[in-house]
Amino acid sequence: MVSNISVRLISYSVEIINGEPIYIFSNCCPIKANQYEPAGLGFHSSALGLIGHVEKEDSKDGREDVPIDKKQPFAYSSESYSSKGKKKSSTGEKIQDYYALLALSHLRYLASENQRRKSYRDAALGHHSDKLTFLLLAVETKAAKQAKEEEIESYFKAIQEAYEVLIDPVRRRIYDSTDEIDDDIPTECASKDFFKVFGPAFLRNGRWSVTQPLPSLGDEKPNESTPIKEVDSFYNFWYCFKSWRDFPHADEFDLEQAESRDQKRWMERQNAKLSEKARKEESARIRSLVDTAYRRDPRILGRREAEKEGS
């Protein structure tokens, strides 16, 4: 039995094979399905790399190569997320920098609630896994693609954790207490540089003040001087300085690990001792700052000279 086969003529030319018709048969290759939408600038960049129109820039710091199109004024970075949003603790260990994760490093503790909420929305939208699928297109092996997916997911979870901490007043206060700050106390400075040196020092430490806003140290101006009463008021404020700063200690006991009520109370007492010691050290540091500034304040020195001349 002969089956009828329908053949469609797809090409004919009188110049080929003496004008005889040409029959072309072909089996299509299996179609490779992709779960990612082949669209967007990231896909465009990866496609250019596959066809050889994009050069790869040599990596000098050990990170994977990133395709860079010289004709484009921008390029996407596929650098590791694990190194982003990190800061060093006092022990040298790298911990998450929550402000950096939300792009608030320039504001840190000064960031308002609205700024924190807005920055979180922007960071969450920009680093969601659905928005970063183009990074996976440049990865060749399955293992590397899985590692990149886990890395992106881990970074997104870190952003969520940062928001949960920074939006909660209690947790944010604890975190801000461990934030890096220049604790150095100025010791030597010329009289003309007094305000330049001690003004920023008081502002740095004023972040811990329960009372806000802070009184101003003042500024040295040619034809203007701070009234001496305001100067005395400034130092009275700092000699009675009240700080909200917490002092979490690396050796603190985890109360949730207590096996009994008595053990929990003992842990609380030990933690309180560590915190009290840190508070005393902090109080002594602030007092040293105020004493040093008071001894070198040109306005205080001027009053003493005037009192000597009057007597």
C-alpha atoms as a PDB file:
ATOM      1  CA  MET A   1       0.000   0.000   0.000  1.00  0.00           C
ATOM      2  CA  VAL A   2       1.435   3.299  -1.056  1.00  0.00           C
ATOM      3  CA  SER A   3       0.704   6.264   1.198  1.00  0.00           C
ATOM      4  CA  ASN A   4      -0.051   9.591  -0.372  1.00  0.00           C
ATOM      5  CA  ILE A   5       2.533  12.125   0.700  1.00  0.00           C
ATOM      6  CA  SER A   6       1.751  15.767   0.239  1.00  0.00           C
ATOM      7  CA  VAL A   7       4.840  17.703  -0.759  1.00  0.00           C
ATOM      8  CA  ARG A   8       4.832  21.469  -0.881  1.00  0.00           C
ATOM      9  CA  LEU A   9       7.086  23.272  -3.314  1.00  0.00           C
ATOM     10  CA  ILE A  10       8.925  25.983  -1.356  1.00  0.00           C
ATOM     11  CA  SER A  11      11.416  27.149  -3.933  1.00  0.00           C
ATOM     12  CA  TYR A  12      11.595  27.285  -7.724  1.00  0.00           C
ATOM     13  CA  SER A  13      13.979  28.934 -10.102  1.00  0.00           C
ATOM     14  CA  VAL A  14      14.438  28.497 -13.822  1.00  0.00           C
ATOM     15  CA  GLU A  15      18.154  29.033 -13.344  1.00  0.00           C
ATOM     16  CA  ILE A  16      18.650  26.061 -11.046  1.00  0.00           C
ATOM     17  CA  ILE A  17      18.868  22.499 -12.309  1.00  0.00           C
ATOM     18  CA  ASN A  18      17.539  23.364 -15.754  1.00  0.00           C
ATOM     19  CA  GLY A  19      14.363  24.826 -14.358  1.00  0.00           C
ATOM     20  CA  GLU A  20      13.396  21.667 -12.491  1.00  0.00           C
ATOM     21  CA  PRO A  21      11.517  22.207  -9.210  1.00  0.00           C
ATOM     22  CA  ILE A  22      13.467  21.786  -5.956  1.00  0.00           C
ATOM     23  CA  TYR A  23      11.971  19.844  -3.071  1.00  0.00           C
ATOM     24  CA  ILE A  24      13.452  20.519   0.381  1.00  0.00           C
ATOM     25  CA  PHE A  25      12.747  18.377   3.433  1.00  0.00           C
ATOM     26  CA  SER A  26      13.921  19.068   7.012  1.00  0.00           C
ATOM     27  CA  ASN A  27      13.290  17.906  10.550  1.00  0.00           C
ATOM     28  CA  CYS A  28      13.124  20.707  13.101  1.00  0.00           C
ATOM     29  CA  CYS A  29      15.405  20.519  16.122  1.00  0.00           C
ATOM     30  CA  PRO A  30      13.939  20.248  19.636  1.00  0.00           C
ATOM     31  CA  ILE A  31      12.958  23.628  20.989  1.00  0.00           C
ATOM     32  CA  LYS A  32      14.819  24.676  24.120  1.00  0.00           C
ATOM     33  CA  ALA A  33      12.379  26.108  26.644  1.00  0.00           C
ATOM     34  CA  ASN A  34      13.476  28.913  28.937  1.00  0.00           C
ATOM     35  CA  GLN A  35      11.603  30.000  32.030  1.00  0.00           C
ATOM     36  CA  TYR A  36      12.880  33.557  31.686  1.00  0.00           C
ATOM     37  CA  GLU A  37      11.375  36.083  29.360  1.00  0.00           C
ATOM     38  CA  PRO A  38      13.818  36.877  26.506  1.00  0.00           C
ATOM     39  CA  ALA A  39      13.469  40.614  26.814  1.00  0.00           C
ATOM     40  CA  GLY A  40      14.981  43.603  28.530  1.00  0.00           C
ATOM     41  CA  LEU A  41      18.367  45.270  28.599  1.00  0.00           C
ATOM     42  CA  GLY A  42      19.943  42.430  30.543  1.00  0.00           C
ATOM     43  CA  PHE A  43      18.912  39.878  27.923  1.00  0.00           C
ATOM     44  CA  HIS A  44      20.114  42.207  25.193  1.00  0.00           C
ATOM     45  CA  SER A  45      23.534  42.461  26.854  1.00  0.00           C
ATOM     46  CA  SER A  46      23.798  38.681  27.244  1.00  0.00           C
ATOM     47  CA  ALA A  47      22.697  38.105  23.643  1.00  0.00           C
ATOM     48  CA  LEU A  48      25.402  40.429  22.361  1.00  0.00           C
ATOM     49  CA  GLY A  49      27.947  38.442  24.335  1.00  0.00           C
ATOM     50  CA  LEU A  50      26.797  35.147  22.834  1.00  0.00           C
ATOM     51  CA  ILE A  51      27.197  36.378  19.263  1.00  0.00           C
ATOM     52  CA  GLY A  52      30.593  37.933  19.947  1.00  0.00           C
ATOM     53  CA  HIS A  53      29.711  41.627  19.882  1.00  0.00           C
ATOM     54  CA  VAL A  54      30.648  42.176  23.520  1.00  0.00           C
ATOM     55  CA  GLU A  55      34.110  41.935  24.977  1.00  0.00           C
ATOM     56  CA  LYS A  56      34.785  40.608  28.447  1.00  0.00           C
ATOM     57  CA  GLU A  57      36.804  42.775  30.748  1.00  0.00           C
ATOM     58  CA  ASP A  58      39.540  40.987  32.641  1.00  0.00           C
ATOM     59  CA  SER A  59      38.821  40.790  36.343  1.00  0.00           C
ATOM     60  CA  LYS A  60      41.607  41.951  38.607  1.00  0.00           C
ATOM     61  CA  ASP A  61      39.957  41.256  41.949  1.00  0.00           C
ATOM     62  CA  GLY A  62      38.944  37.640  41.430  1.00  0.00           C
ATOM     63  CA  ARG A  63      35.295  38.288  40.623  1.00  0.00           C
ATOM     64  CA  GLU A  64      33.672  36.668  37.610  1.00  0.00           C
ATOM     65  CA  ASP A  65      33.991  38.431  34.297  1.00  0.00           C
ATOM     66  CA  VAL A  66      31.298  40.893  33.377  1.00  0.00           C
ATOM     67  CA  PRO A  67      30.413  41.438  29.705  1.00  0.00           C
ATOM     68  CA  ILE A  68      30.852  45.062  28.719  1.00  0.00           C
ATOM     69  CA  ASP A  69      29.566  46.530  25.497  1.00  0.00           C
ATOM     70  CA  LYS A  70      31.817  49.396  24.520  1.00  0.00           C
ATOM     71  CA  LYS A  71      29.030  51.026  22.560  1.00  0.00           C
ATOM     72  CA  GLN A  72      26.776  51.175  25.608  1.00  0.00           C
ATOM     73  CA  PRO A  73      27.262  53.881  28.274  1.00  0.00           C
ATOM     74  CA  PHE A  74      26.270  51.427  30.977  1.00  0.00           C
ATOM     75  CA  ALA A  75      26.812  47.800  31.917  1.00  0.00           C
ATOM     76  CA  TYR A  76      25.235  45.430  34.376  1.00  0.00           C
ATOM     77  CA  SER A  77      27.314  44.129  37.216  1.00  0.00           C
ATOM     78  CA  SER A  78      27.169  40.483  38.194  1.00  0.00           C
ATOM     79  CA  GLU A  79      29.564  40.882  41.086  1.00  0.00           C
ATOM     80  CA  SER A  80      28.995  38.842  44.189  1.00  0.00           C
ATOM     81  CA  TYR A  81      26.286  40.032  46.530  1.00  0.00           C
ATOM     82  CA  SER A  82      28.032  38.433  49.498  1.00  0.00           C
ATOM     83  CA  SER A  83      30.459  41.337  49.851  1.00  0.00           C
ATOM     84  CA  LYS A  84      27.822  44.058  49.709  1.00  0.00           C
ATOM     85  CA  GLY A  85      26.202  45.608  52.756  1.00  0.00           C
ATOM     86  CA  LYS A  86      28.908  44.512  55.173  1.00  0.00           C
ATOM     87  CA  LYS A  87      30.686  46.343  57.950  1.00  0.00           C
ATOM     88  CA  LYS A  88      33.282  45.289  60.487  1.00  0.00           C
ATOM     89  CA  SER A  89      32.417  44.872  64.130  1.00  0.00           C
ATOM     90  CA  SER A  90      34.732  45.773  66.986  1.00  0.00           C
ATOM     91  CA  THR A  91      36.132  42.241  66.847  1.00  0.00           C
ATOM     92  CA  GLY A  92      36.970  42.571  63.159  1.00  0.00           C
ATOM     93  CA  GLU A  93      34.178  40.228  62.053  1.00  0.00           C
ATOM     94  CA  LYS A  94      32.088  41.340  59.085  1.00  0.00           C
ATOM     95  CA  ILE A  95      28.427  41.879  59.907  1.00  0.00           C
ATOM     96  CA  GLN A  96      25.507  43.176  57.899  1.00  0.00           C
ATOM     97  CA  ASP A  97      25.415  46.933  57.416  1.00  0.00           C
ATOM     98  CA  TYR A  98      21.676  47.481  57.359  1.00  0.00           C
ATOM     99  CA  TYR A  99      21.936  51.112  56.296  1.00  0.00           C
ATOM    100  CA  ALA A 100      24.110  50.169  53.317  1.00  0.00           C
ATOM    101  CA  LEU A 101      21.619  47.484  52.268  1.00  0.00           C
ATOM    102  CA  LEU A 102      18.917  50.161  52.075  1.00  0.00           C
ATOM    103  CA  ALA A 103      21.245  52.720  50.430  1.00  0.00           C
ATOM    104  CA  LEU A 104      21.158  54.939  53.528  1.00  0.00           C
ATOM    105  CA  SER A 105      24.862  54.956  54.383  1.00  0.00           C
ATOM    106  CA  HIS A 106      24.993  58.725  53.907  1.00  0.00           C
ATOM    107  CA  LEU A 107      22.254  59.255  56.518  1.00  0.00           C
ATOM    108  CA  ARG A 108      22.467  56.280  58.872  1.00  0.00           C
ATOM    109  CA  TYR A 109      20.861  57.201  62.238  1.00  0.00           C
ATOM    110  CA  LEU A 110      19.568  60.481  60.755  1.00  0.00           C
ATOM    111  CA  ALA A 111      17.314  58.646  58.282  1.00  0.00           C
ATOM    112  CA  SER A 112      13.654  59.377  58.953  1.00  0.00           C
ATOM    113  CA  GLU A 113      10.946  56.729  59.019  1.00  0.00           C
ATOM    114  CA  ASN A 114       9.647  57.805  55.608  1.00  0.00           C
ATOM    115  CA  GLN A 115      13.159  57.616  54.155  1.00  0.00           C
ATOM    116  CA  ARG A 116      13.636  54.125  55.569  1.00  0.00           C
ATOM    117  CA  ARG A 117      10.324  52.922  54.173  1.00  0.00           C
ATOM    118  CA  LYS A 118      10.941  54.411  50.732  1.00  0.00           C
ATOM    119  CA  SER A 119      14.502  53.068  50.551  1.00  0.00           C
ATOM    120  CA  TYR A 120      13.262  49.615  51.488  1.00  0.00           C
ATOM    121  CA  ARG A 121      10.647  49.642  48.728  1.00  0.00           C
ATOM    122  CA  ASP A 122      13.240  50.719  46.175  1.00  0.00           C
ATOM    123  CA  ALA A 123      15.774  48.118  47.343  1.00  0.00           C
ATOM    124  CA  ALA A 124      13.202  45.312  47.468  1.00  0.00           C
ATOM    125  CA  LEU A 125      11.940  46.066  43.965  1.00  0.00           C
ATOM    126  CA  GLY A 126      15.409  46.450  42.499  1.00  0.00           C
ATOM    127  CA  HIS A 127      16.878  43.286  44.029  1.00  0.00           C
ATOM    128  CA  HIS A 128      13.947  40.905  43.760  1.00  0.00           C
ATOM    129  CA  SER A 129      14.857  37.662  42.012  1.00  0.00           C
ATOM    130  CA  ASP A 130      12.354  38.368  39.234  1.00  0.00           C
ATOM    131  CA  LYS A 131      14.249  41.559  38.384  1.00  0.00           C
ATOM    132  CA  LEU A 132      17.676  39.902  38.284  1.00  0.00           C
ATOM    133  CA  THR A 133      17.085  36.957  35.986  1.00  0.00           C
ATOM    134  CA  PHE A 134      19.433  38.494  33.431  1.00  0.00           C
ATOM    135  CA  LEU A 135      22.333  37.704  35.776  1.00  0.00           C
ATOM    136  CA  LEU A 136      21.543  34.011  35.383  1.00  0.00           C
ATOM    137  CA  LEU A 137      21.700  34.178  31.598  1.00  0.00           C
ATOM    138  CA  ALA A 138      25.422  34.894  31.728  1.00  0.00           C
ATOM    139  CA  VAL A 139      26.097  31.833  33.919  1.00  0.00           C
ATOM    140  CA  GLU A 140      27.084  28.768  31.928  1.00  0.00           C
ATOM    141  CA  THR A 141      26.985  25.806  34.337  1.00  0.00           C
ATOM    142  CA  LYS A 142      23.995  24.551  36.280  1.00  0.00           C
ATOM    143  CA  ALA A 143      25.920  24.573  39.559  1.00  0.00           C
ATOM    144  CA  ALA A 144      27.008  28.164  39.057  1.00  0.00           C
ATOM    145  CA  LYS A 145      23.451  29.175  38.196  1.00  0.00           C
ATOM    146  CA  GLN A 146      22.129  27.550  41.368  1.00  0.00           C
ATOM    147  CA  ALA A 147      24.797  29.286  43.436  1.00  0.00           C
ATOM    148  CA  LYS A 148      23.898  32.628  41.864  1.00  0.00           C
ATOM    149  CA  GLU A 149      20.199  32.056  42.592  1.00  0.00           C
ATOM    150  CA  GLU A 150      20.965  31.310  46.249  1.00  0.00           C
ATOM    151  CA  GLU A 151      23.174  34.386  46.425  1.00  0.00           C
ATOM    152  CA  ILE A 152      20.451  36.658  45.035  1.00  0.00           C
ATOM    153  CA  GLU A 153      17.864  35.154  47.374  1.00  0.00           C
ATOM    154  CA  SER A 154      20.169  35.566  50.377  1.00  0.00           C
ATOM    155  CA  TYR A 155      20.768  39.219  49.544  1.00  0.00           C
ATOM    156  CA  PHE A 156      17.041  39.874  49.216  1.00  0.00           C
ATOM    157  CA  LYS A 157      16.420  38.279  52.615  1.00  0.00           C
ATOM    158  CA  ALA A 158      19.145  40.506  54.082  1.00  0.00           C
ATOM    159  CA  ILE A 159      17.290  43.561  52.756  1.00  0.00           C
ATOM    160  CA  GLN A 160      14.105  42.356  54.435  1.00  0.00           C
ATOM    161  CA  GLU A 161      15.962  41.776  57.700  1.00  0.00           C
ATOM    162  CA  ALA A 162      17.503  45.249  57.506  1.00  0.00           C
ATOM    163  CA  TYR A 163      14.076  46.825  57.140  1.00  0.00           C
ATOM    164  CA  GLU A 164      12.618  44.830  60.029  1.00  0.00           C
ATOM    165  CA  VAL A 165      15.411  46.031  62.313  1.00  0.00           C
ATOM    166  CA  LEU A 166      15.547  49.661  61.203  1.00  0.00           C
ATOM    167  CA  ILE A 167      11.771  50.191  61.259  1.00  0.00           C
ATOM    168  CA  ASP A 168      11.417  48.881  64.823  1.00  0.00           C
ATOM    169  CA  PRO A 169      12.372  51.609  67.371  1.00  0.00           C
ATOM    170  CA  VAL A 170      13.767  49.223  69.988  1.00  0.00           C
ATOM    171  CA  ARG A 171      15.746  47.030  67.598  1.00  0.00           C
ATOM    172  CA  ARG A 172      17.022  50.061  65.711  1.00  0.00           C
ATOM    173  CA  ARG A 173      18.282  51.663  68.929  1.00  0.00           C
ATOM    174  CA  ILE A 174      20.221  48.522  69.782  1.00  0.00           C
ATOM    175  CA  TYR A 175      21.658  48.375  66.268  1.00  0.00           C
ATOM    176  CA  ASP A 176      22.574  52.072  66.228  1.00  0.00           C
ATOM    177  CA  SER A 177      24.347  51.599  69.545  1.00  0.00           C
ATOM    178  CA  THR A 178      26.769  49.211  67.870  1.00  0.00           C
ATOM    179  CA  ASP A 179      27.249  51.386  64.795  1.00  0.00           C
ATOM    180  CA  GLU A 180      30.758  52.540  64.006  1.00  0.00           C
ATOM    181  CA  ILE A 181      31.625  55.961  65.401  1.00  0.00           C
ATOM    182  CA  ASP A 182      34.793  57.943  65.956  1.00  0.00           C
ATOM    183  CA  ASP A 183      35.180  57.761  69.750  1.00  0.00           C
ATOM    184  CA  ASP A 184      38.489  59.605  69.811  1.00  0.00           C
ATOM    185  CA  ILE A 185      38.651  62.625  72.102  1.00  0.00           C
ATOM    186  CA  PRO A 186      40.530  65.668  70.730  1.00  0.00           C
ATOM    187  CA  THR A 187      43.450  66.610  72.944  1.00  0.00           C
ATOM    188  CA  GLU A 188      45.591  69.231  71.243  1.00  0.00           C
ATOM    189  CA  CYS A 189      44.465  72.069  69.010  1.00  0.00           C
ATOM    190  CA  ALA A 190      45.321  75.706  68.423  1.00  0.00           C
ATOM    191  CA  SER A 191      42.940  78.317  69.793  1.00  0.00           C
ATOM    192  CA  LYS A 192      41.914  79.336  66.268  1.00  0.00           C
ATOM    193  CA  ASP A 193      40.980  75.719  65.442  1.00  0.00           C
ATOM    194  CA  PHE A 194      38.909  75.097  68.576  1.00  0.00           C
ATOM    195  CA  PHE A 195      35.498  75.179  66.860  1.00  0.00           C
ATOM    196  CA  LYS A 196      36.703  73.161  63.868  1.00  0.00           C
ATOM    197  CA  VAL A 197      38.036  70.407  66.124  1.00  0.00           C
ATOM    198  CA  PHE A 198      35.528  70.209  68.981  1.00  0.00           C
ATOM    199  CA  GLY A 199      32.370  71.158  67.077  1.00  0.00           C
ATOM    200  CA  PRO A 200      32.262  67.896  65.065  1.00  0.00           C
ATOM    201  CA  ALA A 201      33.271  65.900  68.164  1.00  0.00           C
ATOM    202  CA  PHE A 202      30.229  67.114  70.094  1.00  0.00           C
ATOM    203  CA  LEU A 203      27.970  66.486  67.094  1.00  0.00           C
ATOM    204  CA  ARG A 204      29.226  62.900  66.770  1.00  0.00           C
ATOM    205  CA  ASN A 205      28.505  62.125  70.393  1.00  0.00           C
ATOM    206  CA  GLY A 206      25.302  64.141  70.516  1.00  0.00           C
ATOM    207  CA  ARG A 207      23.549  61.433  68.526  1.00  0.00           C
ATOM    208  CA  TRP A 208      23.180  59.464  71.783  1.00  0.00           C
ATOM    209  CA  SER A 209      21.488  62.319  73.644  1.00  0.00           C
ATOM    210  CA  VAL A 210      18.056  61.702  75.134  1.00  0.00           C
ATOM    211  CA  THR A 211      17.348  65.422  74.784  1.00  0.00           C
ATOM    212  CA  GLN A 212      17.056  66.741  71.260  1.00  0.00           C
ATOM    213  CA  PRO A 213      17.865  69.125  69.644  1.00  0.00           C
ATOM    214  CA  LEU A 214      21.354  69.699  70.985  1.00  0.00           C
ATOM    215  CA  PRO A 215      22.666  73.080  72.079  1.00  0.00           C
ATOM    216  CA  SER A 216      25.265  74.484  69.710  1.00  0.00           C
ATOM    217  CA  LEU A 217      28.901  74.919  70.627  1.00  0.00           C
ATOM    218  CA  GLY A 218      28.841  78.087  68.580  1.00  0.00           C
ATOM    219  CA  ASP A 219      31.117  79.307  65.839  1.00  0.00           C
ATOM    220  CA  GLU A 220      34.029  81.675  65.705  1.00  0.00           C
ATOM    221  CA  LYS A 221      33.066  84.720  63.653  1.00  0.00           C
ATOM    222  CA  PRO A 222      35.001  87.989  63.323  1.00  0.00           C
ATOM    223  CA  ASN A 223      32.222  90.327  64.448  1.00  0.00           C
ATOM    224  CA  GLU A 224      30.083  87.972  66.476  1.00  0.00           C
ATOM    225  CA  SER A 225      30.593  86.054  69.699  1.00  0.00           C
ATOM    226  CA  THR A 226      28.321  83.685  71.615  1.00  0.00           C
ATOM    227  CA  PRO A 227      26.948  85.222  74.847  1.00  0.00           C
ATOM    228  CA  ILE A 228      28.765  83.764  77.838  1.00  0.00           C
ATOM    229  CA  LYS A 229      25.448  82.600  79.327  1.00  0.00           C
ATOM    230  CA  GLU A 230      24.860  80.401  76.287  1.00  0.00           C
ATOM    231  CA  VAL A 231      28.389  79.048  76.628  1.00  0.00           C
ATOM    232  CA  ASP A 232      27.746  78.123  80.272  1.00  0.00           C
ATOM    233  CA  SER A 233      24.409  76.576  79.297  1.00  0.00           C
ATOM    234  CA  PHE A 234      26.149  74.459  76.666  1.00  0.00           C
ATOM    235  CA  TYR A 235      28.643  72.990  79.143  1.00  0.00           C
ATOM    236  CA  ASN A 236      25.976  72.495  81.814  1.00  0.00           C
ATOM    237  CA  PHE A 237      24.044  70.416  79.294  1.00  0.00           C
ATOM    238  CA  TRP A 238      27.031  68.214  78.538  1.00  0.00           C
ATOM    239  CA  TYR A 239      28.085  67.824  82.173  1.00  0.00           C
ATOM    240  CA  CYS A 240      24.581  66.440  82.810  1.00  0.00           C
ATOM    241  CA  PHE A 241      24.524  64.478  79.564  1.00  0.00           C
ATOM    242  CA  LYS A 242      21.985  61.638  79.441  1.00  0.00           C
ATOM    243  CA  SER A 243      22.559  58.956  76.845  1.00  0.00           C
ATOM    244  CA  TRP A 244      20.158  56.386  75.421  1.00  0.00           C
ATOM    245  CA  ARG A 245      23.001  54.294  74.035  1.00  0.00           C
ATOM    246  CA  ASP A 246      22.798  50.574  74.742  1.00  0.00           C
ATOM    247  CA  PHE A 247      25.873  48.452  75.233  1.00  0.00           C
ATOM    248  CA  PRO A 248      25.342  44.908  73.985  1.00  0.00           C
ATOM    249  CA  HIS A 249      28.334  42.797  74.935  1.00  0.00           C
ATOM    250  CA  ALA A 250      29.826  39.862  73.075  1.00  0.00           C
ATOM    251  CA  ASP A 251      29.870  37.828  76.305  1.00  0.00           C
ATOM    252  CA  GLU A 252      26.215  38.425  77.156  1.00  0.00           C
ATOM    253  CA  PHE A 253      24.114  35.386  78.000  1.00  0.00           C
ATOM    254  CA  ASP A 254      21.207  34.458  75.780  1.00  0.00           C
ATOM    255  CA  LEU A 255      18.197  34.475  78.102  1.00  0.00           C
ATOM    256  CA  GLU A 256      16.295  32.125  75.814  1.00  0.00           C
ATOM    257  CA  GLN A 257      18.872  29.436  76.578  1.00  0.00           C
ATOM    258  CA  ALA A 258      18.093  29.490  80.304  1.00  0.00           C
ATOM    259  CA  GLU A 259      16.912  26.132  81.612  1.00  0.00           C
ATOM    260  CA  SER A 260      15.153  27.507  84.670  1.00  0.00           C
ATOM    261  CA  ARG A 261      13.825  30.739  86.138  1.00  0.00           C
ATOM    262  CA  ASP A 262      16.715  30.959  88.585  1.00  0.00           C
ATOM    263  CA  GLN A 263      19.256  30.539  85.807  1.00  0.00           C
ATOM    264  CA  LYS A 264      17.514  33.238  83.778  1.00  0.00           C
ATOM    265  CA  ARG A 265      17.689  35.676  86.700  1.00  0.00           C
ATOM    266  CA  TRP A 266      21.381  34.896  87.156  1.00  0.00           C
ATOM    267  CA  MET A 267      21.985  35.554  83.450  1.00  0.00           C
ATOM    268  CA  GLU A 268      20.134  38.873  83.716  1.00  0.00           C
ATOM    269  CA  ARG A 269      22.335  39.952  86.634  1.00  0.00           C
ATOM    270  CA  GLN A 270      25.509  39.044  84.756  1.00  0.00           C
ATOM    271  CA  ASN A 271      24.353  40.922  81.656  1.00  0.00           C
ATOM    272  CA  ALA A 272      23.449  43.939  83.799  1.00  0.00           C
ATOM    273  CA  LYS A 273      26.978  43.987  85.226  1.00  0.00           C
ATOM    274  CA  LEU A 274      28.495  44.032  81.751  1.00  0.00           C
ATOM    275  CA  SER A 275      26.164  46.834  80.646  1.00  0.00           C
ATOM    276  CA  GLU A 276      26.845  48.904  83.754  1.00  0.00           C
ATOM    277  CA  LYS A 277      30.579  48.640  83.238  1.00  0.00           C
ATOM    278  CA  ALA A 278      30.215  49.812  79.637  1.00  0.00           C
ATOM    279  CA  ARG A 279      27.984  52.729  80.712  1.00  0.00           C
ATOM    280  CA  LYS A 280      30.561  53.908  83.234  1.00  0.00           C
ATOM    281  CA  GLU A 281      33.290  53.789  80.596  1.00  0.00           C
ATOM    282  CA  GLU A 282      31.083  55.751  78.191  1.00  0.00           C
ATOM    283  CA  SER A 283      30.252  58.330  80.851  1.00  0.00           C
ATOM    284  CA  ALA A 284      33.960  58.800  81.591  1.00  0.00           C
ATOM    285  CA  ARG A 285      34.680  59.248  77.893  1.00  0.00           C
ATOM    286  CA  ILE A 286      32.006  61.935  77.496  1.00  0.00           C
ATOM    287  CA  ARG A 287      33.232  63.678  80.640  1.00  0.00           C
ATOM    288  CA  SER A 288      36.765  63.693  79.246  1.00  0.00           C
ATOM    289  CA  LEU A 289      35.496  65.346  76.050  1.00  0.00           C
ATOM    290  CA  VAL A 290      33.660  68.067  77.983  1.00  0.00           C
ATOM    291  CA  ASP A 291      36.567  68.725  80.369  1.00  0.00           C
ATOM    292  CA  THR A 292      39.053  69.008  77.511  1.00  0.00           C
ATOM    293  CA  ALA A 293      36.821  71.376  75.551  1.00  0.00           C
ATOM    294  CA  TYR A 294      36.119  73.522  78.622  1.00  0.00           C
ATOM    295  CA  ARG A 295      39.834  73.928  79.344  1.00  0.00           C
ATOM    296  CA  ARG A 296      40.564  75.001  75.758  1.00  0.00           C
ATOM    297  CA  ASP A 297      37.482  77.063  74.935  1.00  0.00           C
ATOM    298  CA  PRO A 298      38.767  80.558  74.019  1.00  0.00           C
ATOM    299  CA  ARG A 299      35.609  82.133  75.448  1.00  0.00           C
ATOM    300  CA  ILE A 300      36.148  80.518  78.839  1.00  0.00           C
ATOM    301  CA  LEU A 301      39.827  81.460  78.733  1.00  0.00           C
ATOM    302  CA  GLY A 302      38.875  85.030  77.827  1.00  0.00           C
ATOM    303  CA  ARG A 303      36.525  85.283  80.794  1.00  0.00           C
ATOM    304  CA  ARG A 304      39.208  84.021  83.151  1.00  0.00           C
ATOM    305  CA  GLU A 305      41.653  86.597  81.842  1.00  0.00           C
ATOM    306  CA  ALA A 306      39.073  89.343  82.303  1.00  0.00           C
ATOM    307  CA  GLU A 307      38.410  88.211  85.873  1.00  0.00           C
ATOM    308  CA  LYS A 308      42.139  88.263  86.660  1.00  0.00           C
ATOM    309  CA  GLU A 309      42.519  91.772  85.291  1.00  0.00           C
ATOM    310  CA  GLY A 310      39.480  92.953  87.232  1.00  0.00           C
ATOM    311  CA  SER A 311      40.778  91.578  90.475  1.00  0.00           C
END
